[in-house]
Protein backbone atom coordinates (compact mmCIF):
# COMPACT_ATOMS: atom_id res chain seq x y z
CA MET A 1 0.02 -0.12 -0.25
CA GLY A 2 1.95 3.48 -1.12
CA VAL A 3 1.89 6.73 1.05
CA GLN A 4 -0.77 8.50 0.64
CA ASN A 5 -0.39 11.86 -0.96
CA SER A 6 0.13 14.98 1.95
CA ARG A 7 -1.14 17.62 -0.55
CA PRO A 8 -4.57 18.59 0.07
CA ARG A 9 -7.06 18.05 -2.21
CA PRO A 10 -8.43 20.05 -4.64
CA GLY A 11 -11.69 21.65 -2.95
CA TYR A 12 -9.44 22.04 0.24
CA ARG A 13 -8.75 25.70 -0.32
CA GLN A 14 -11.82 26.59 -1.92
CA ALA A 15 -13.32 25.37 1.63
CA LEU A 16 -10.89 27.55 3.19
CA PHE A 17 -12.34 30.31 1.33
CA VAL A 18 -16.09 29.93 1.95
CA THR A 19 -15.20 28.86 5.77
CA GLY A 20 -13.59 32.52 5.78
CA LEU A 21 -16.20 34.33 3.64
CA ALA A 22 -19.01 32.89 5.74
CA GLY A 23 -17.21 34.62 9.18
CA TRP A 24 -17.24 37.49 7.05
CA TYR A 25 -20.78 37.64 6.41
CA LEU A 26 -21.90 36.86 9.91
CA ARG A 27 -19.48 39.52 10.81
CA THR A 28 -21.56 41.97 8.47
CA VAL A 29 -24.98 40.31 10.05
CA ALA A 30 -24.13 41.02 13.34
CA ALA A 31 -22.61 44.37 12.63
CA SER A 32 -25.95 45.36 10.41
CA ALA A 33 -27.96 43.95 12.92
CA LEU A 34 -26.11 46.44 15.59
CA ALA A 35 -26.96 48.78 13.81
CA ALA A 36 -30.38 48.16 13.20
CA ILE A 37 -30.90 47.80 17.03
CA LEU A 38 -29.57 51.17 17.77
CA SER A 39 -31.65 52.37 15.16
CA PHE A 40 -34.92 51.28 17.11
CA ALA A 41 -33.07 52.34 20.19
CA SER A 42 -33.27 56.03 18.58
CA ALA A 43 -37.00 55.88 18.18
CA PRO A 44 -38.67 59.14 19.76
CA TYR A 45 -39.78 56.91 22.52
CA ASN A 46 -39.92 53.54 23.94
CA CYS A 47 -43.27 51.51 24.08
CA ALA A 48 -42.05 49.45 27.54
CA ARG A 49 -40.99 51.95 29.69
CA GLY A 50 -43.63 55.03 28.07
CA ALA A 51 -43.08 58.12 26.92
CA PRO A 52 -39.95 60.11 28.22
CA GLN A 53 -39.75 63.71 29.07
CA ASN A 54 -36.98 64.20 26.78
CA PRO A 55 -36.99 61.51 23.78
CA GLN A 56 -33.53 62.88 22.36
CA VAL A 57 -31.56 62.27 25.69
CA ALA A 58 -33.45 59.08 26.51
CA ALA A 59 -32.59 57.68 23.11
CA THR A 60 -28.97 58.49 23.05
CA GLY A 61 -28.28 57.10 26.39
CA GLU A 62 -30.11 53.65 25.40
CA ARG A 63 -27.42 53.85 21.95
CA VAL A 64 -25.16 53.89 23.99
CA ARG A 65 -25.58 51.28 26.53
CA ILE A 66 -26.70 48.89 23.71
CA LEU A 67 -22.98 50.25 22.31
CA THR A 68 -21.30 49.07 25.60
CA GLU A 69 -23.05 45.93 25.93
CA ALA A 70 -21.82 45.36 22.19
CA LEU A 71 -17.97 46.09 23.44
CA GLY A 72 -18.22 42.56 25.49
CA ASN A 73 -18.93 40.94 22.72
CA SER A 74 -17.18 37.93 21.68
CA ASP A 75 -16.32 39.20 17.97
CA PRO A 76 -14.26 41.92 17.21
CA GLY A 77 -15.80 42.99 14.18
CA VAL A 78 -18.89 43.61 16.64
CA ARG A 79 -16.80 45.30 18.67
CA TYR A 80 -15.02 47.25 16.59
CA SER A 81 -18.32 48.48 14.80
CA ALA A 82 -19.60 49.64 18.53
CA VAL A 83 -16.93 51.74 19.00
CA GLU A 84 -16.93 53.27 16.03
CA THR A 85 -20.60 54.26 16.32
CA LEU A 86 -19.46 55.51 19.78
CA VAL A 87 -16.99 58.16 17.54
CA ALA A 88 -19.53 59.01 15.33
CA MET A 89 -21.49 60.20 18.58
CA GLY A 90 -18.54 62.93 19.85
CA PRO A 91 -19.44 63.83 23.11
CA ASP A 92 -22.92 62.33 23.47
CA ALA A 93 -21.11 59.11 24.25
CA LYS A 94 -19.20 60.47 27.70
CA ALA A 95 -21.48 57.48 29.05
CA ALA A 96 -19.41 55.16 27.11
CA VAL A 97 -15.78 56.10 29.21
CA PRO A 98 -15.88 53.61 31.39
CA VAL A 99 -16.14 50.90 28.74
CA LEU A 100 -13.53 53.07 26.12
CA VAL A 101 -10.99 52.57 29.06
CA GLN A 102 -11.73 48.70 29.42
CA ALA A 103 -11.48 48.76 25.51
CA LEU A 104 -8.03 50.50 25.54
CA LYS A 105 -6.92 46.58 26.74
CA ASP A 106 -8.67 44.94 23.57
CA PRO A 107 -6.18 41.94 22.27
CA ASP A 108 -7.51 43.85 18.62
CA ALA A 109 -4.83 46.69 18.15
CA GLY A 110 -7.47 48.20 15.93
CA ILE A 111 -10.20 48.20 18.83
CA ARG A 112 -7.68 49.78 20.95
CA GLY A 113 -6.74 52.46 18.60
CA ALA A 114 -10.31 52.95 17.78
CA ALA A 115 -11.13 53.50 21.51
CA ALA A 116 -9.10 56.12 21.81
CA VAL A 117 -9.94 57.72 19.07
CA ALA A 118 -13.60 57.76 20.74
CA LEU A 119 -12.32 59.07 23.56
CA ALA A 120 -10.72 61.75 21.59
CA ALA A 121 -14.22 62.29 19.86
CA ILE A 122 -15.47 62.87 23.77
CA GLY A 123 -12.93 65.34 24.56
CA PRO A 124 -12.88 66.70 28.05
CA GLY A 125 -15.39 64.98 28.94
CA ALA A 126 -13.12 61.53 28.83
CA LYS A 127 -11.38 63.23 31.51
CA ALA A 128 -11.75 60.12 33.93
CA ALA A 129 -9.59 58.04 31.13
CA VAL A 130 -6.48 59.80 31.30
CA PRO A 131 -4.14 57.85 33.74
CA ALA A 132 -5.64 54.79 31.08
CA LEU A 133 -4.95 57.12 28.28
CA ALA A 134 -1.37 57.53 29.59
CA GLN A 135 -0.77 53.84 30.12
CA ALA A 136 -1.79 53.24 26.41
CA LEU A 137 1.21 55.78 25.50
CA ARG A 138 3.40 52.39 26.09
CA ASP A 139 1.00 50.07 23.93
CA PRO A 140 3.30 48.09 22.07
CA ALA A 141 1.06 49.21 18.75
CA ALA A 142 2.21 53.04 17.53
CA ARG A 143 -1.24 53.82 15.96
CA VAL A 144 -2.45 52.81 19.36
CA ARG A 145 0.22 55.24 21.01
CA TRP A 146 -0.43 58.13 18.21
CA SER A 147 -4.63 57.73 18.96
CA ALA A 148 -3.92 57.74 22.75
CA ALA A 149 -1.68 60.93 22.71
CA GLY A 150 -4.59 62.43 20.20
CA ALA A 151 -7.00 61.94 22.98
CA LEU A 152 -4.73 63.37 25.53
CA ARG A 153 -4.25 66.49 23.42
CA ALA A 154 -8.48 66.72 22.93
CA ILE A 155 -9.12 66.32 26.76
CA GLY A 156 -6.89 69.20 27.05
CA PRO A 157 -5.49 70.76 30.43
CA ASP A 158 -7.47 68.05 32.69
CA ALA A 159 -5.07 65.85 31.15
CA ARG A 160 -2.06 67.24 32.95
CA ALA A 161 -1.54 64.10 35.04
CA ALA A 162 -0.27 62.74 31.79
CA ALA A 163 2.61 65.16 30.96
CA PRO A 164 5.15 63.11 32.51
CA ALA A 165 3.90 59.83 30.20
CA LEU A 166 3.70 62.39 26.96
CA VAL A 167 7.02 63.65 27.88
CA GLU A 168 8.45 59.91 27.66
CA ALA A 169 6.68 59.69 24.44
CA LEU A 170 8.44 62.50 23.04
CA SER A 171 11.41 59.98 22.61
CA ASP A 172 9.02 57.32 20.52
CA SER A 173 10.31 56.26 17.19
CA PRO A 174 8.03 56.96 14.96
CA ALA A 175 7.80 61.18 14.13
CA GLN A 176 3.75 61.23 14.05
CA VAL A 177 3.38 59.67 18.07
CA ARG A 178 6.25 62.07 18.72
CA SER A 179 4.32 65.13 17.40
CA ALA A 180 1.27 63.83 18.71
CA ALA A 181 2.76 63.83 22.66
CA ALA A 182 3.86 67.45 21.91
CA GLY A 183 0.63 68.54 20.93
CA ALA A 184 -0.90 66.66 24.13
CA LEU A 185 1.68 68.60 25.80
CA GLY A 186 0.55 72.06 24.32
CA ALA A 187 -2.52 71.46 24.73
CA ILE A 188 -2.18 70.96 28.55
CA GLY A 189 -1.08 74.23 28.60
CA PRO A 190 0.77 76.17 31.65
CA ALA A 191 0.63 73.34 34.20
CA ALA A 192 3.22 71.09 31.43
CA VAL A 193 5.88 74.02 31.07
CA PRO A 194 7.24 72.61 34.21
CA THR A 195 7.85 68.95 32.93
CA LEU A 196 8.95 70.56 29.18
CA VAL A 197 11.19 72.59 30.93
CA ALA A 198 13.43 69.70 32.11
CA ALA A 199 12.71 68.32 29.00
CA LEU A 200 14.60 70.77 27.57
CA LYS A 201 17.94 69.40 29.05
CA SER A 202 17.31 65.25 28.31
CA SER A 203 20.25 63.71 26.91
CA ASN A 204 17.99 63.14 23.73
CA GLY A 205 17.92 65.19 21.30
CA ALA A 206 14.52 64.40 19.69
CA VAL A 207 13.05 64.69 22.90
CA ARG A 208 14.41 68.12 23.44
CA LEU A 209 13.39 68.88 19.81
CA SER A 210 9.88 68.04 20.50
CA ALA A 211 10.03 69.74 24.16
CA ALA A 212 10.43 72.72 22.45
CA GLY A 213 8.18 72.41 19.70
CA ALA A 214 5.15 72.02 22.67
CA LEU A 215 6.24 75.18 24.47
CA GLY A 216 6.02 77.12 21.41
CA ALA A 217 2.58 75.77 20.16
CA MET A 218 1.76 77.12 24.04
CA GLY A 219 2.53 80.68 22.94
CA SER A 220 2.64 83.07 25.53
CA LYS A 221 1.50 81.00 27.74
CA ALA A 222 4.98 79.27 27.83
CA LYS A 223 6.40 82.77 28.98
CA THR A 224 7.96 81.33 32.36
CA ALA A 225 9.68 78.78 29.84
CA ALA A 226 11.85 81.99 28.38
CA PRO A 227 14.82 81.14 30.51
CA ALA A 228 14.72 78.03 29.97
CA LEU A 229 14.71 78.37 26.23
CA THR A 230 16.99 81.17 26.13
CA ASN A 231 19.37 78.30 27.48
CA ALA A 232 18.62 75.89 24.63
CA LEU A 233 19.47 78.09 21.65
CA ASN A 234 23.15 76.95 22.81
CA ASP A 235 22.23 73.37 21.75
CA PRO A 236 24.21 71.25 20.14
CA THR A 237 21.68 70.69 17.86
CA ALA A 238 20.69 73.18 15.38
CA GLY A 239 17.10 72.10 14.87
CA VAL A 240 16.88 72.47 19.13
CA ARG A 241 18.42 76.03 18.51
CA GLY A 242 15.43 76.85 15.91
CA ALA A 243 12.94 75.64 17.92
CA ALA A 244 13.94 77.40 20.93
CA ALA A 245 14.31 80.81 18.78
CA ASP A 246 10.40 80.04 17.28
CA ALA A 247 9.12 79.10 21.06
CA LEU A 248 10.46 82.47 21.89
CA GLY A 249 9.35 84.02 18.79
CA ALA A 250 5.48 82.69 20.17
CA VAL A 251 6.05 83.83 23.81
CA GLY A 252 6.43 87.43 22.08
CA ALA A 253 7.30 90.46 23.35
CA ASP A 254 7.16 88.74 27.06
CA ALA A 255 10.09 86.92 25.85
CA LYS A 256 11.75 90.85 25.46
CA ALA A 257 15.18 89.16 28.32
CA ALA A 258 15.70 86.64 25.29
CA ALA A 259 17.17 89.97 23.05
CA PRO A 260 20.32 90.04 23.81
CA ALA A 261 20.71 85.98 23.09
CA LEU A 262 18.20 85.77 19.96
CA SER A 263 20.55 88.50 18.41
CA HIS A 264 24.00 86.55 19.27
CA ALA A 265 21.85 83.76 17.21
CA LEU A 266 21.79 85.78 14.60
CA GLU A 267 25.62 84.45 14.19
CA ASP A 268 24.80 80.96 13.98
CA ALA A 269 26.49 78.85 11.40
CA ASP A 270 22.70 77.05 10.36
CA PRO A 271 20.92 79.82 7.92
CA GLY A 272 17.83 78.09 9.52
CA VAL A 273 18.51 79.31 13.32
CA ARG A 274 19.33 82.62 12.00
CA TRP A 275 16.02 82.85 10.41
CA SER A 276 14.26 82.07 13.27
CA ALA A 277 16.26 84.21 15.44
CA ALA A 278 15.35 87.17 13.26
CA ARG A 279 11.58 85.99 13.12
CA ALA A 280 11.73 86.23 17.03
CA LEU A 281 13.00 89.50 17.48
CA ALA A 282 10.16 90.51 15.15
CA ALA A 283 7.86 89.24 17.33
CA ILE A 284 9.44 90.55 20.62
CA GLY A 285 9.49 94.20 18.26
CA PRO A 286 10.11 97.60 20.29
CA GLY A 287 11.65 95.26 23.23
CA ALA A 288 14.13 93.77 20.97
CA LYS A 289 16.06 97.30 19.86
CA VAL A 290 19.46 96.04 21.72
CA ALA A 291 19.66 93.88 17.72
CA VAL A 292 19.20 96.51 15.76
CA PRO A 293 23.48 96.53 14.82
CA ALA A 294 23.37 92.50 14.24
CA LEU A 295 20.31 92.88 12.42
CA ALA A 296 21.03 95.37 10.06
CA GLU A 297 24.39 93.52 9.54
CA LEU A 298 22.13 90.61 8.68
CA LEU A 299 20.35 92.36 5.64
CA GLU A 300 23.62 91.27 4.05
CA ASP A 301 23.33 87.59 4.34
CA PRO A 302 23.65 85.39 1.40
CA THR A 303 20.40 83.62 2.04
CA GLY A 304 17.50 85.49 0.86
CA GLY A 305 14.75 84.39 3.81
CA VAL A 306 17.64 85.37 6.43
CA SER A 307 18.06 88.80 5.20
CA GLY A 308 14.05 89.57 4.29
CA ALA A 309 13.33 88.32 8.21
CA ALA A 310 15.98 90.55 9.29
CA ALA A 311 14.44 93.23 7.29
CA GLY A 312 11.40 92.44 8.67
CA ALA A 313 12.41 92.65 12.18
CA LEU A 314 14.03 95.73 12.16
CA GLY A 315 10.53 97.27 10.77
CA ALA A 316 9.02 95.72 13.79
CA ILE A 317 11.06 97.25 16.03
CA GLY A 318 10.58 100.66 14.82
CA PRO A 319 11.91 103.79 14.99
CA ASP A 320 15.32 102.87 17.09
CA ALA A 321 15.77 101.39 13.90
CA VAL A 322 15.60 103.58 11.48
CA PRO A 323 19.24 105.12 11.80
CA ALA A 324 20.41 102.15 11.00
CA LEU A 325 18.46 101.12 8.00
CA VAL A 326 19.13 104.92 6.38
CA GLU A 327 22.96 103.90 6.58
CA ALA A 328 21.35 100.68 5.34
CA LEU A 329 20.55 102.80 1.90
CA LYS A 330 24.29 103.42 1.03
CA ASN A 331 25.30 99.67 0.87
CA PRO A 332 26.59 99.26 -2.25
CA ASP A 333 24.58 95.88 -2.47
CA PRO A 334 21.24 97.03 -4.31
CA ARG A 335 19.24 93.99 -2.53
CA VAL A 336 20.61 95.72 0.76
CA ARG A 337 19.24 98.78 -0.10
CA TRP A 338 15.91 97.57 -1.61
CA LEU A 339 15.39 95.68 2.22
CA ALA A 340 16.10 98.52 3.84
CA ALA A 341 13.67 100.90 2.45
CA GLY A 342 11.04 98.15 2.61
CA ALA A 343 11.76 97.98 6.24
CA LEU A 344 11.40 102.00 6.45
CA ARG A 345 8.03 101.37 4.95
CA GLY A 346 7.02 98.86 7.54
CA ILE A 347 7.80 101.69 10.12
CA GLY A 348 5.71 103.88 8.82
CA ALA A 349 5.16 107.59 9.86
CA ASN A 350 7.97 107.40 12.52
CA ALA A 351 10.20 106.66 10.11
CA LYS A 352 10.05 110.23 9.18
CA THR A 353 13.73 111.13 9.55
CA ALA A 354 14.98 109.01 6.68
CA VAL A 355 12.86 111.06 4.48
CA PRO A 356 15.48 113.01 2.92
CA ALA A 357 17.66 108.85 2.46
CA LEU A 358 14.59 107.80 0.83
CA ALA A 359 14.34 111.11 -1.55
CA ARG A 360 17.75 110.32 -2.55
CA ALA A 361 16.84 106.98 -2.73
CA LEU A 362 14.45 107.94 -5.57
CA ARG A 363 17.36 108.06 -7.59
CA ASP A 364 19.41 104.94 -7.02
CA SER A 365 20.60 103.42 -10.39
CA ASN A 366 18.37 100.11 -9.70
CA ALA A 367 14.66 100.29 -10.37
CA GLY A 368 13.62 97.79 -7.68
CA VAL A 369 15.27 100.61 -4.79
CA ARG A 370 13.49 103.42 -6.41
CA GLU A 371 10.28 102.00 -6.47
CA SER A 372 10.50 100.63 -2.51
CA ALA A 373 11.83 103.80 -1.95
CA ALA A 374 8.75 105.52 -3.02
CA VAL A 375 6.42 102.79 -1.59
CA ALA A 376 8.10 103.93 1.64
CA LEU A 377 7.83 107.61 1.40
CA ALA A 378 4.06 106.91 0.43
CA ALA A 379 3.30 104.93 3.71
CA ILE A 380 5.47 108.27 5.72
CA GLY A 381 2.38 110.01 4.76
CA PRO A 382 2.57 114.10 4.33
CA ASP A 383 5.84 114.26 6.15
CA ALA A 384 7.17 112.95 2.71
CA VAL A 385 5.26 115.39 0.51
CA PRO A 386 7.95 117.86 0.25
CA ALA A 387 10.99 116.30 -0.72
CA LEU A 388 8.52 114.09 -3.56
CA VAL A 389 7.66 117.50 -4.71
CA GLY A 390 10.97 118.60 -5.14
CA ALA A 391 11.32 115.08 -7.08
CA LEU A 392 8.92 116.04 -9.59
CA LYS A 393 11.76 118.46 -11.31
CA ASP A 394 14.09 115.57 -11.57
CA PRO A 395 15.75 114.81 -14.97
CA ASP A 396 14.72 111.22 -14.72
CA ALA A 397 11.87 110.45 -16.03
CA ALA A 398 11.68 107.09 -13.88
CA VAL A 399 12.48 109.07 -10.61
CA ARG A 400 9.66 111.63 -11.47
CA TRP A 401 6.92 108.86 -12.16
CA SER A 402 7.97 107.01 -8.56
CA ALA A 403 7.25 110.63 -7.35
CA ARG A 404 3.95 110.95 -8.56
CA GLU A 405 2.83 107.28 -7.79
CA ALA A 406 3.79 108.32 -3.63
CA LEU A 407 2.11 111.79 -3.93
CA ASP A 408 -1.11 109.69 -5.65
CA ALA A 409 -0.46 107.31 -2.57
CA ILE A 410 -0.45 109.89 -0.14
CA GLY A 411 -3.73 112.08 -1.52
CA SER A 412 -5.79 108.78 -1.97
CA SER A 413 -4.75 107.84 1.68
CA ALA A 414 -5.48 111.61 3.09
CA THR A 415 -9.34 111.50 1.58
CA GLN A 416 -10.06 108.47 3.02
C-alpha cells in the first residue's frame, strides 16, 4: 500500500475560502443587526417604558447602553463596529468612557486604537480616562500610542497628570507619535511647562526638539519657560536651537529678556537658526532694539529668506531701527538697499527722519530700490510730501514717475 499524497485535495482551498467568507458574512450581519438595533433605540419613545420627557436624550442613552454591551461581544467585528459608532457620537458618548477605558486593553490593536479615538471625540468629558490613556502611550502598537496622545490632546488641561508619560513619548521612534505627544503637552498648557522645561535638558535630542516645539505651541502661555528656551539657543543640535528661537517668538513681547541671546543667534552657522532668531526678534518688537546692529548686518546675509527676516524684524522694532536703515540705504548691494527701504515702509510715519535718505533713493540706479523708496515715502505720509514734490523736477523720468505715484498714494489715503 503506497504512501498517501500529503497535498490537500483540490477542493480544500475552496473550502477554506468559503469558511472565511462565511465568518466575514456573519460578522457583517452582526454589525448590521447592531446598527438596526441602534436605529430602533433612537426612536422618539420606548413602548416598554412609556414616553420619556426628553425623547432625544433617552434615545442617546439607550444607544450608548447597547453599544457598551456590544463592546463585550466575543466577535472583534462587532466590538469594532460598536467603537466606531461611539466615535461618531462624539461628546454624546460620555457615558461610555468606563467601557472605552476597558477597550484600551482589547486584544485587537485596531479596537484599542479606535477606543482612544472615541475618547478623543468625547473630548474634555473623557478626563476620567487620562490614567488609562497615559498607560496606552506604552502600547506595543504605534497607532494606539498615536491615538492615545491625540485623545490626551483633545482632553486638554485636564490631562495634566499624563504630562510625564507624554514627555517619555517624545522619544518614541515614529515621528507621528512624537508630534502627537508634543501637541498634547501644548494643549495641556501652563501645567505642563515645568515638565517640558526639564525635558529641554534631556540627553535625547529628539526629546529636546519636541519639548521646544510643545512650548512654542503654547505661545504666550509658556512665558515662564523663556529662560530655559534662551539657554536652549546654545543646544548642540541646530534643530533644537531653531525650535527654541521659534518658541521665544511665540511667547512674543514677554520674551524681551531673550533679545541679547537671540541677537547672538543671528550669527549661528545654520541659516535656519538665523532665520528663526530674526523672526523671534520681530515678534518681540520694540523690546528687541538691542539687536538692531546685528539685524542690520544680517541684511547682507547670502540666504534670501534670512535677510528678508532681518528686514522684517527691523521694521517691527520701529523708530529705534531708523538710523541703521538709513545707513543701509548707502550699501553698495542693491538688494540691501531695497530691503532697507522696505523696512522703513513697515515703520511708516515713525520713520519721517528717513525722508531725505529715501528721497535720494528715488535716484538710485536700481529700479527696484527706487520703487521701494517711493512706497516707503508714501507710507510715511504727509511728512514726505516736500521731498516728493522736489523729486517731480528730477531730470530722470523714472524718478519723476516714482514721486508722482507716491504723492498719489498719499493723496488717496488723506481723502479716505
